[in-house]
């Protein structure tokens, strides 16, 4: 049986928003490579969104609708980044020698 520590948290949610996990002995399978690609894309998107948010805040001309949209986008990006960090942290812990 596979323990929770041996599972990789994937960067997307399953049905009903539940976390998806991958059980694998290697990190070079198709789904692992796809997950790596999605994580990198999520991190790049979050970085770009942060730059845009800082620009909007510096400009000071955004209305409440624009700020509401920005907050929603930032919350989504933060959720993605936290999932990536959690997944990578678990994989680092699993790879440390006992």
PDB file of N, CA and C in Angstrom:
ATOM      1  N   UNK A   1       0.838  -1.181   0.000  1.00  0.00           N
ATOM      2  CA  UNK A   1       0.000   0.000   0.000  1.00  0.00           C
ATOM      3  C   UNK A   1       0.884   1.245   0.000  1.00  0.00           C
ATOM      4  N   UNK A   2       0.457   2.279  -0.693  1.00  0.00           N
ATOM      5  CA  UNK A   2       1.202   3.527  -0.798  1.00  0.00           C
ATOM      6  C   UNK A   2       0.771   4.460   0.324  1.00  0.00           C
ATOM      7  N   UNK A   3       1.746   5.046   1.020  1.00  0.00           N
ATOM      8  CA  UNK A   3       1.421   5.994   2.080  1.00  0.00           C
ATOM      9  C   UNK A   3       1.228   7.379   1.485  1.00  0.00           C
ATOM     10  N   UNK A   4       0.614   8.262   2.265  1.00  0.00           N
ATOM     11  CA  UNK A   4       0.374   9.637   1.820  1.00  0.00           C
ATOM     12  C   UNK A   4       1.685  10.332   1.466  1.00  0.00           C
ATOM     13  N   UNK A   5       2.776  10.017   2.185  1.00  0.00           N
ATOM     14  CA  UNK A   5       4.066  10.647   1.931  1.00  0.00           C
ATOM     15  C   UNK A   5       4.659  10.256   0.587  1.00  0.00           C
ATOM     16  N   UNK A   6       4.205   9.146  -0.002  1.00  0.00           N
ATOM     17  CA  UNK A   6       4.729   8.689  -1.276  1.00  0.00           C
ATOM     18  C   UNK A   6       3.931   9.231  -2.455  1.00  0.00           C
ATOM     19  N   UNK A   7       2.900   9.995  -2.192  1.00  0.00           N
ATOM     20  CA  UNK A   7       2.057  10.545  -3.241  1.00  0.00           C
ATOM     21  C   UNK A   7       2.474  11.971  -3.574  1.00  0.00           C
ATOM     22  N   UNK A   8       2.389  12.313  -4.851  1.00  0.00           N
ATOM     23  CA  UNK A   8       2.683  13.677  -5.286  1.00  0.00           C
ATOM     24  C   UNK A   8       1.369  14.431  -5.434  1.00  0.00           C
ATOM     25  N   UNK A   9       1.277  15.573  -4.768  1.00  0.00           N
ATOM     26  CA  UNK A   9       0.131  16.453  -4.937  1.00  0.00           C
ATOM     27  C   UNK A   9       0.256  17.123  -6.296  1.00  0.00           C
ATOM     28  N   UNK A  10      -0.751  16.937  -7.131  1.00  0.00           N
ATOM     29  CA  UNK A  10      -0.714  17.507  -8.473  1.00  0.00           C
ATOM     30  C   UNK A  10      -1.206  18.953  -8.460  1.00  0.00           C
ATOM     31  N   UNK A  11      -0.791  19.757  -9.438  1.00  0.00           N
ATOM     32  CA  UNK A  11      -1.127  21.186  -9.433  1.00  0.00           C
ATOM     33  C   UNK A  11      -2.526  21.510  -9.948  1.00  0.00           C
ATOM     34  N   UNK A  12      -3.399  20.540  -9.973  1.00  0.00           N
ATOM     35  CA  UNK A  12      -4.780  20.781 -10.368  1.00  0.00           C
ATOM     36  C   UNK A  12      -5.698  20.015  -9.431  1.00  0.00           C
ATOM     37  N   UNK A  13      -6.929  20.475  -9.390  1.00  0.00           N
ATOM     38  CA  UNK A  13      -7.918  19.833  -8.519  1.00  0.00           C
ATOM     39  C   UNK A  13      -8.741  18.841  -9.319  1.00  0.00           C
ATOM     40  N   UNK A  14      -9.276  17.870  -8.619  1.00  0.00           N
ATOM     41  CA  UNK A  14     -10.145  16.879  -9.238  1.00  0.00           C
ATOM     42  C   UNK A  14     -11.589  17.314  -9.125  1.00  0.00           C
ATOM     43  N   UNK A  15     -12.493  16.369  -9.336  1.00  0.00           N
ATOM     44  CA  UNK A  15     -13.918  16.685  -9.207  1.00  0.00           C
ATOM     45  C   UNK A  15     -14.231  17.273  -7.822  1.00  0.00           C
ATOM     46  N   UNK A  16     -15.107  18.215  -7.818  1.00  0.00           N
ATOM     47  CA  UNK A  16     -15.533  18.869  -6.579  1.00  0.00           C
ATOM     48  C   UNK A  16     -14.399  19.618  -5.889  1.00  0.00           C
ATOM     49  N   UNK A  17     -13.327  19.939  -6.628  1.00  0.00           N
ATOM     50  CA  UNK A  17     -12.223  20.706  -6.063  1.00  0.00           C
ATOM     51  C   UNK A  17     -11.318  19.928  -5.141  1.00  0.00           C
ATOM     52  N   UNK A  18     -11.472  18.622  -5.112  1.00  0.00           N
ATOM     53  CA  UNK A  18     -10.641  17.796  -4.239  1.00  0.00           C
ATOM     54  C   UNK A  18      -9.240  17.659  -4.816  1.00  0.00           C
ATOM     55  N   UNK A  19      -8.206  17.539  -3.952  1.00  0.00           N
ATOM     56  CA  UNK A  19      -6.837  17.404  -4.435  1.00  0.00           C
ATOM     57  C   UNK A  19      -6.637  16.116  -5.238  1.00  0.00           C
ATOM     58  N   UNK A  20      -5.753  16.184  -6.215  1.00  0.00           N
ATOM     59  CA  UNK A  20      -5.369  15.007  -7.004  1.00  0.00           C
ATOM     60  C   UNK A  20      -3.947  14.621  -6.626  1.00  0.00           C
ATOM     61  N   UNK A  21      -3.717  13.332  -6.529  1.00  0.00           N
ATOM     62  CA  UNK A  21      -2.392  12.819  -6.178  1.00  0.00           C
ATOM     63  C   UNK A  21      -1.929  11.829  -7.231  1.00  0.00           C
ATOM     64  N   UNK A  22      -0.615  11.720  -7.376  1.00  0.00           N
ATOM     65  CA  UNK A  22      -0.005  10.768  -8.286  1.00  0.00           C
ATOM     66  C   UNK A  22       0.894   9.841  -7.492  1.00  0.00           C
ATOM     67  N   UNK A  23       0.726   8.561  -7.702  1.00  0.00           N
ATOM     68  CA  UNK A  23       1.589   7.562  -7.086  1.00  0.00           C
ATOM     69  C   UNK A  23       2.584   7.101  -8.142  1.00  0.00           C
ATOM     70  N   UNK A  24       3.860   7.372  -7.916  1.00  0.00           N
ATOM     71  CA  UNK A  24       4.885   6.993  -8.876  1.00  0.00           C
ATOM     72  C   UNK A  24       6.217   6.817  -8.167  1.00  0.00           C
ATOM     73  N   UNK A  25       7.034   5.941  -8.685  1.00  0.00           N
ATOM     74  CA  UNK A  25       8.378   5.746  -8.140  1.00  0.00           C
ATOM     75  C   UNK A  25       9.384   6.672  -8.798  1.00  0.00           C
ATOM     76  N   UNK A  26       9.038   7.187  -9.970  1.00  0.00           N
ATOM     77  CA  UNK A  26       9.946   8.068 -10.690  1.00  0.00           C
ATOM     78  C   UNK A  26       9.252   9.391 -10.967  1.00  0.00           C
ATOM     79  N   UNK A  27      10.024  10.390 -11.263  1.00  0.00           N
ATOM     80  CA  UNK A  27       9.457  11.691 -11.592  1.00  0.00           C
ATOM     81  C   UNK A  27       9.535  11.989 -13.068  1.00  0.00           C
ATOM     82  N   UNK A  28       9.740  10.951 -13.885  1.00  0.00           N
ATOM     83  CA  UNK A  28       9.922  11.214 -15.312  1.00  0.00           C
ATOM     84  C   UNK A  28       8.805  10.641 -16.184  1.00  0.00           C
ATOM     85  N   UNK A  29       7.703  10.235 -15.586  1.00  0.00           N
ATOM     86  CA  UNK A  29       6.567   9.736 -16.350  1.00  0.00           C
ATOM     87  C   UNK A  29       5.796  10.878 -16.984  1.00  0.00           C
ATOM     88  N   UNK A  30       4.863  10.539 -17.859  1.00  0.00           N
ATOM     89  CA  UNK A  30       4.087  11.547 -18.575  1.00  0.00           C
ATOM     90  C   UNK A  30       3.361  12.492 -17.628  1.00  0.00           C
ATOM     91  N   UNK A  31       2.637  11.952 -16.649  1.00  0.00           N
ATOM     92  CA  UNK A  31       1.853  12.799 -15.744  1.00  0.00           C
ATOM     93  C   UNK A  31       2.775  13.647 -14.875  1.00  0.00           C
ATOM     94  N   UNK A  32       3.912  13.106 -14.460  1.00  0.00           N
ATOM     95  CA  UNK A  32       4.883  13.891 -13.681  1.00  0.00           C
ATOM     96  C   UNK A  32       5.414  15.063 -14.498  1.00  0.00           C
ATOM     97  N   UNK A  33       5.750  14.798 -15.748  1.00  0.00           N
ATOM     98  CA  UNK A  33       6.264  15.877 -16.617  1.00  0.00           C
ATOM     99  C   UNK A  33       5.177  16.916 -16.887  1.00  0.00           C
ATOM    100  N   UNK A  34       3.941  16.457 -17.085  1.00  0.00           N
ATOM    101  CA  UNK A  34       2.830  17.379 -17.286  1.00  0.00           C
ATOM    102  C   UNK A  34       2.636  18.247 -16.045  1.00  0.00           C
ATOM    103  N   UNK A  35       2.687  17.628 -14.868  1.00  0.00           N
ATOM    104  CA  UNK A  35       2.536  18.371 -13.614  1.00  0.00           C
ATOM    105  C   UNK A  35       3.657  19.395 -13.459  1.00  0.00           C
ATOM    106  N   UNK A  36       4.893  19.017 -13.800  1.00  0.00           N
ATOM    107  CA  UNK A  36       6.015  19.962 -13.735  1.00  0.00           C
ATOM    108  C   UNK A  36       5.757  21.156 -14.644  1.00  0.00           C
ATOM    109  N   UNK A  37       5.272  20.889 -15.851  1.00  0.00           N
ATOM    110  CA  UNK A  37       4.979  21.954 -16.814  1.00  0.00           C
ATOM    111  C   UNK A  37       3.873  22.873 -16.291  1.00  0.00           C
ATOM    112  N   UNK A  38       2.810  22.294 -15.753  1.00  0.00           N
ATOM    113  CA  UNK A  38       1.698  23.094 -15.223  1.00  0.00           C
ATOM    114  C   UNK A  38       2.172  23.942 -14.042  1.00  0.00           C
ATOM    115  N   UNK A  39       2.990  23.364 -13.153  1.00  0.00           N
ATOM    116  CA  UNK A  39       3.524  24.140 -12.021  1.00  0.00           C
ATOM    117  C   UNK A  39       4.338  25.331 -12.512  1.00  0.00           C
ATOM    118  N   UNK A  40       5.205  25.108 -13.474  1.00  0.00           N
ATOM    119  CA  UNK A  40       6.024  26.208 -14.004  1.00  0.00           C
ATOM    120  C   UNK A  40       5.148  27.290 -14.616  1.00  0.00           C
ATOM    121  N   UNK A  41       4.115  26.885 -15.339  1.00  0.00           N
ATOM    122  CA  UNK A  41       3.194  27.835 -15.948  1.00  0.00           C
ATOM    123  C   UNK A  41       2.455  28.630 -14.869  1.00  0.00           C
ATOM    124  N   UNK A  42       2.004  27.956 -13.819  1.00  0.00           N
ATOM    125  CA  UNK A  42       1.304  28.637 -12.732  1.00  0.00           C
ATOM    126  C   UNK A  42       2.214  29.650 -12.039  1.00  0.00           C
ATOM    127  N   UNK A  43       3.471  29.284 -11.824  1.00  0.00           N
ATOM    128  CA  UNK A  43       4.411  30.205 -11.177  1.00  0.00           C
ATOM    129  C   UNK A  43       4.700  31.411 -12.056  1.00  0.00           C
ATOM    130  N   UNK A  44       4.865  31.190 -13.366  1.00  0.00           N
ATOM    131  CA  UNK A  44       5.097  32.315 -14.283  1.00  0.00           C
ATOM    132  C   UNK A  44       3.885  33.246 -14.314  1.00  0.00           C
ATOM    133  N   UNK A  45       2.693  32.662 -14.361  1.00  0.00           N
ATOM    134  CA  UNK A  45       1.474  33.474 -14.389  1.00  0.00           C
ATOM    135  C   UNK A  45       1.319  34.285 -13.104  1.00  0.00           C
ATOM    136  N   UNK A  46       1.638  33.682 -11.964  1.00  0.00           N
ATOM    137  CA  UNK A  46       1.549  34.390 -10.686  1.00  0.00           C
ATOM    138  C   UNK A  46       2.548  35.544 -10.641  1.00  0.00           C
ATOM    139  N   UNK A  47       3.738  35.312 -11.158  1.00  0.00           N
ATOM    140  CA  UNK A  47       4.757  36.367 -11.186  1.00  0.00           C
ATOM    141  C   UNK A  47       4.315  37.541 -12.064  1.00  0.00           C
ATOM    142  N   UNK A  48       3.766  37.219 -13.219  1.00  0.00           N
ATOM    143  CA  UNK A  48       3.284  38.269 -14.130  1.00  0.00           C
ATOM    144  C   UNK A  48       2.113  39.029 -13.495  1.00  0.00           C
ATOM    145  N   UNK A  49       1.208  38.316 -12.842  1.00  0.00           N
ATOM    146  CA  UNK A  49       0.065  38.947 -12.184  1.00  0.00           C
ATOM    147  C   UNK A  49       0.529  39.862 -11.058  1.00  0.00           C
ATOM    148  N   UNK A  50       1.545  39.448 -10.313  1.00  0.00           N
ATOM    149  CA  UNK A  50       2.080  40.294  -9.250  1.00  0.00           C
ATOM    150  C   UNK A  50       2.627  41.598  -9.824  1.00  0.00           C
ATOM    151  N   UNK A  51       3.353  41.513 -10.928  1.00  0.00           N
ATOM    152  CA  UNK A  51       3.870  42.723 -11.581  1.00  0.00           C
ATOM    153  C   UNK A  51       2.728  43.655 -11.979  1.00  0.00           C
ATOM    154  N   UNK A  52       1.681  43.089 -12.567  1.00  0.00           N
ATOM    155  CA  UNK A  52       0.523  43.890 -12.979  1.00  0.00           C
ATOM    156  C   UNK A  52      -0.167  44.511 -11.765  1.00  0.00           C
ATOM    157  N   UNK A  53      -0.298  43.747 -10.673  1.00  0.00           N
ATOM    158  CA  UNK A  53      -0.947  44.260  -9.466  1.00  0.00           C
ATOM    159  C   UNK A  53      -0.160  45.427  -8.883  1.00  0.00           C
ATOM    160  N   UNK A  54       1.151  45.283  -8.838  1.00  0.00           N
ATOM    161  CA  UNK A  54       1.979  46.373  -8.306  1.00  0.00           C
ATOM    162  C   UNK A  54       1.858  47.619  -9.171  1.00  0.00           C
ATOM    163  N   UNK A  55       1.750  47.420 -10.478  1.00  0.00           N
ATOM    164  CA  UNK A  55       1.592  48.548 -11.386  1.00  0.00           C
ATOM    165  C   UNK A  55       0.242  49.233 -11.171  1.00  0.00           C
ATOM    166  N   UNK A  56      -0.824  48.445 -11.008  1.00  0.00           N
ATOM    167  CA  UNK A  56      -2.156  49.004 -10.756  1.00  0.00           C
ATOM    168  C   UNK A  56      -2.166  49.777  -9.445  1.00  0.00           C
ATOM    169  N   UNK A  57      -1.539  49.221  -8.417  1.00  0.00           N
ATOM    170  CA  UNK A  57      -1.510  49.902  -7.120  1.00  0.00           C
ATOM    171  C   UNK A  57      -0.682  51.178  -7.157  1.00  0.00           C
ATOM    172  N   UNK A  58       0.408  51.142  -7.910  1.00  0.00           N
ATOM    173  CA  UNK A  58       1.257  52.340  -8.043  1.00  0.00           C
ATOM    174  C   UNK A  58       0.525  53.438  -8.804  1.00  0.00           C
ATOM    175  N   UNK A  59      -0.208  53.039  -9.837  1.00  0.00           N
ATOM    176  CA  UNK A  59      -0.955  53.971 -10.675  1.00  0.00           C
ATOM    177  C   UNK A  59      -2.033  54.685  -9.865  1.00  0.00           C
ATOM    178  N   UNK A  60      -2.731  53.951  -9.023  1.00  0.00           N
ATOM    179  CA  UNK A  60      -3.745  54.541  -8.157  1.00  0.00           C
ATOM    180  C   UNK A  60      -5.022  54.959  -8.847  1.00  0.00           C
ATOM    181  N   UNK A  61      -5.215  54.561 -10.102  1.00  0.00           N
ATOM    182  CA  UNK A  61      -6.392  54.990 -10.855  1.00  0.00           C
ATOM    183  C   UNK A  61      -7.441  53.895 -11.007  1.00  0.00           C
ATOM    184  N   UNK A  62      -7.212  52.743 -10.414  1.00  0.00           N
ATOM    185  CA  UNK A  62      -8.132  51.620 -10.575  1.00  0.00           C
ATOM    186  C   UNK A  62      -9.417  51.854  -9.796  1.00  0.00           C
ATOM    187  N   UNK A  63     -10.523  51.484 -10.427  1.00  0.00           N
ATOM    188  CA  UNK A  63     -11.820  51.567  -9.770  1.00  0.00           C
ATOM    189  C   UNK A  63     -12.083  50.327  -8.943  1.00  0.00           C
ATOM    190  N   UNK A  64     -13.208  50.318  -8.250  1.00  0.00           N
ATOM    191  CA  UNK A  64     -13.518  49.189  -7.371  1.00  0.00           C
ATOM    192  C   UNK A  64     -13.727  47.895  -8.156  1.00  0.00           C
ATOM    193  N   UNK A  65     -14.320  47.975  -9.348  1.00  0.00           N
ATOM    194  CA  UNK A  65     -14.504  46.763 -10.149  1.00  0.00           C
ATOM    195  C   UNK A  65     -13.166  46.172 -10.571  1.00  0.00           C
ATOM    196  N   UNK A  66     -12.251  47.022 -11.000  1.00  0.00           N
ATOM    197  CA  UNK A  66     -10.923  46.552 -11.413  1.00  0.00           C
ATOM    198  C   UNK A  66     -10.161  45.960 -10.229  1.00  0.00           C
ATOM    199  N   UNK A  67     -10.266  46.603  -9.077  1.00  0.00           N
ATOM    200  CA  UNK A  67      -9.593  46.086  -7.885  1.00  0.00           C
ATOM    201  C   UNK A  67     -10.205  44.762  -7.417  1.00  0.00           C
ATOM    202  N   UNK A  68     -11.522  44.635  -7.534  1.00  0.00           N
ATOM    203  CA  UNK A  68     -12.173  43.366  -7.169  1.00  0.00           C
ATOM    204  C   UNK A  68     -11.695  42.237  -8.069  1.00  0.00           C
ATOM    205  N   UNK A  69     -11.595  42.488  -9.356  1.00  0.00           N
ATOM    206  CA  UNK A  69     -11.100  41.488 -10.299  1.00  0.00           C
ATOM    207  C   UNK A  69      -9.648  41.138  -9.983  1.00  0.00           C
ATOM    208  N   UNK A  70      -8.855  42.143  -9.686  1.00  0.00           N
ATOM    209  CA  UNK A  70      -7.448  41.926  -9.354  1.00  0.00           C
ATOM    210  C   UNK A  70      -7.307  41.062  -8.097  1.00  0.00           C
ATOM    211  N   UNK A  71      -8.103  41.351  -7.083  1.00  0.00           N
ATOM    212  CA  UNK A  71      -8.060  40.552  -5.848  1.00  0.00           C
ATOM    213  C   UNK A  71      -8.453  39.104  -6.130  1.00  0.00           C
ATOM    214  N   UNK A  72      -9.474  38.893  -6.933  1.00  0.00           N
ATOM    215  CA  UNK A  72      -9.901  37.531  -7.274  1.00  0.00           C
ATOM    216  C   UNK A  72      -8.793  36.788  -8.023  1.00  0.00           C
ATOM    217  N   UNK A  73      -8.144  37.464  -8.967  1.00  0.00           N
ATOM    218  CA  UNK A  73      -7.056  36.844  -9.722  1.00  0.00           C
ATOM    219  C   UNK A  73      -5.862  36.546  -8.819  1.00  0.00           C
ATOM    220  N   UNK A  74      -5.540  37.464  -7.929  1.00  0.00           N
ATOM    221  CA  UNK A  74      -4.433  37.240  -6.994  1.00  0.00           C
ATOM    222  C   UNK A  74      -4.732  36.075  -6.051  1.00  0.00           C
ATOM    223  N   UNK A  75      -5.968  35.970  -5.601  1.00  0.00           N
ATOM    224  CA  UNK A  75      -6.344  34.857  -4.716  1.00  0.00           C
ATOM    225  C   UNK A  75      -6.196  33.523  -5.443  1.00  0.00           C
ATOM    226  N   UNK A  76      -6.615  33.468  -6.694  1.00  0.00           N
ATOM    227  CA  UNK A  76      -6.462  32.244  -7.476  1.00  0.00           C
ATOM    228  C   UNK A  76      -4.998  31.886  -7.691  1.00  0.00           C
ATOM    229  N   UNK A  77      -4.194  32.896  -7.991  1.00  0.00           N
ATOM    230  CA  UNK A  77      -2.758  32.656  -8.196  1.00  0.00           C
ATOM    231  C   UNK A  77      -2.093  32.206  -6.898  1.00  0.00           C
ATOM    232  N   UNK A  78      -2.474  32.808  -5.780  1.00  0.00           N
ATOM    233  CA  UNK A  78      -1.905  32.415  -4.490  1.00  0.00           C
ATOM    234  C   UNK A  78      -2.274  30.972  -4.155  1.00  0.00           C
ATOM    235  N   UNK A  79      -3.497  30.586  -4.444  1.00  0.00           N
ATOM    236  CA  UNK A  79      -3.924  29.206  -4.222  1.00  0.00           C
ATOM    237  C   UNK A  79      -3.054  28.241  -5.031  1.00  0.00           C
ATOM    238  N   UNK A  80      -2.811  28.579  -6.297  1.00  0.00           N
ATOM    239  CA  UNK A  80      -1.965  27.737  -7.149  1.00  0.00           C
ATOM    240  C   UNK A  80      -0.537  27.656  -6.620  1.00  0.00           C
ATOM    241  N   UNK A  81       0.027  28.792  -6.237  1.00  0.00           N
ATOM    242  CA  UNK A  81       1.411  28.832  -5.752  1.00  0.00           C
ATOM    243  C   UNK A  81       1.552  28.052  -4.443  1.00  0.00           C
ATOM    244  N   UNK A  82       0.567  28.163  -3.563  1.00  0.00           N
ATOM    245  CA  UNK A  82       0.610  27.395  -2.316  1.00  0.00           C
ATOM    246  C   UNK A  82       0.555  25.897  -2.582  1.00  0.00           C
ATOM    247  N   UNK A  83      -0.242  25.486  -3.569  1.00  0.00           N
ATOM    248  CA  UNK A  83      -0.323  24.067  -3.920  1.00  0.00           C
ATOM    249  C   UNK A  83       1.029  23.593  -4.468  1.00  0.00           C
ATOM    250  N   UNK A  84       1.665  24.408  -5.307  1.00  0.00           N
ATOM    251  CA  UNK A  84       2.989  24.055  -5.848  1.00  0.00           C
ATOM    252  C   UNK A  84       3.997  23.937  -4.703  1.00  0.00           C
ATOM    253  N   UNK A  85       3.988  24.908  -3.793  1.00  0.00           N
ATOM    254  CA  UNK A  85       4.915  24.870  -2.662  1.00  0.00           C
ATOM    255  C   UNK A  85       4.694  23.663  -1.772  1.00  0.00           C
ATOM    256  N   UNK A  86       3.437  23.341  -1.522  1.00  0.00           N
ATOM    257  CA  UNK A  86       3.122  22.167  -0.702  1.00  0.00           C
ATOM    258  C   UNK A  86       3.614  20.901  -1.375  1.00  0.00           C
ATOM    259  N   UNK A  87       3.342  20.782  -2.666  1.00  0.00           N
ATOM    260  CA  UNK A  87       3.747  19.599  -3.410  1.00  0.00           C
ATOM    261  C   UNK A  87       5.269  19.449  -3.408  1.00  0.00           C
ATOM    262  N   UNK A  88       5.965  20.534  -3.686  1.00  0.00           N
ATOM    263  CA  UNK A  88       7.428  20.473  -3.735  1.00  0.00           C
ATOM    264  C   UNK A  88       8.019  20.234  -2.355  1.00  0.00           C
ATOM    265  N   UNK A  89       7.398  20.791  -1.329  1.00  0.00           N
ATOM    266  CA  UNK A  89       7.871  20.548   0.033  1.00  0.00           C
ATOM    267  C   UNK A  89       7.736  19.087   0.426  1.00  0.00           C
ATOM    268  N   UNK A  90       6.610  18.479   0.058  1.00  0.00           N
ATOM    269  CA  UNK A  90       6.419  17.052   0.363  1.00  0.00           C
ATOM    270  C   UNK A  90       7.450  16.202  -0.372  1.00  0.00           C
ATOM    271  N   UNK A  91       7.750  16.571  -1.615  1.00  0.00           N
ATOM    272  CA  UNK A  91       8.726  15.788  -2.373  1.00  0.00           C
ATOM    273  C   UNK A  91      10.123  15.966  -1.813  1.00  0.00           C
ATOM    274  N   UNK A  92      10.443  17.146  -1.292  1.00  0.00           N
ATOM    275  CA  UNK A  92      11.748  17.347  -0.661  1.00  0.00           C
ATOM    276  C   UNK A  92      11.877  16.512   0.607  1.00  0.00           C
ATOM    277  N   UNK A  93      10.803  16.504   1.423  1.00  0.00           N
ATOM    278  CA  UNK A  93      10.816  15.694   2.648  1.00  0.00           C
ATOM    279  C   UNK A  93      10.967  14.220   2.322  1.00  0.00           C
ATOM    280  N   UNK A  94      10.304  13.761   1.274  1.00  0.00           N
ATOM    281  CA  UNK A  94      10.347  12.347   0.907  1.00  0.00           C
ATOM    282  C   UNK A  94      11.716  11.946   0.371  1.00  0.00           C
ATOM    283  N   UNK A  95      12.434  12.917  -0.210  1.00  0.00           N
ATOM    284  CA  UNK A  95      13.738  12.576  -0.789  1.00  0.00           C
ATOM    285  C   UNK A  95      14.887  12.660   0.212  1.00  0.00           C
ATOM    286  N   UNK A  96      14.633  13.213   1.394  1.00  0.00           N
ATOM    287  CA  UNK A  96      15.689  13.311   2.419  1.00  0.00           C
ATOM    288  C   UNK A  96      15.986  11.942   2.992  1.00  0.00           C
ATOM    289  N   UNK A  97      17.263  11.639   3.174  1.00  0.00           N
ATOM    290  CA  UNK A  97      17.615  10.341   3.786  1.00  0.00           C
ATOM    291  C   UNK A  97      17.149  10.285   5.240  1.00  0.00           C
ATOM    292  N   UNK A  98      16.804   9.104   5.676  1.00  0.00           N
ATOM    293  CA  UNK A  98      16.334   8.920   7.066  1.00  0.00           C
ATOM    294  C   UNK A  98      17.473   8.797   8.029  1.00  0.00           C
TER     295      UNK A  98
END
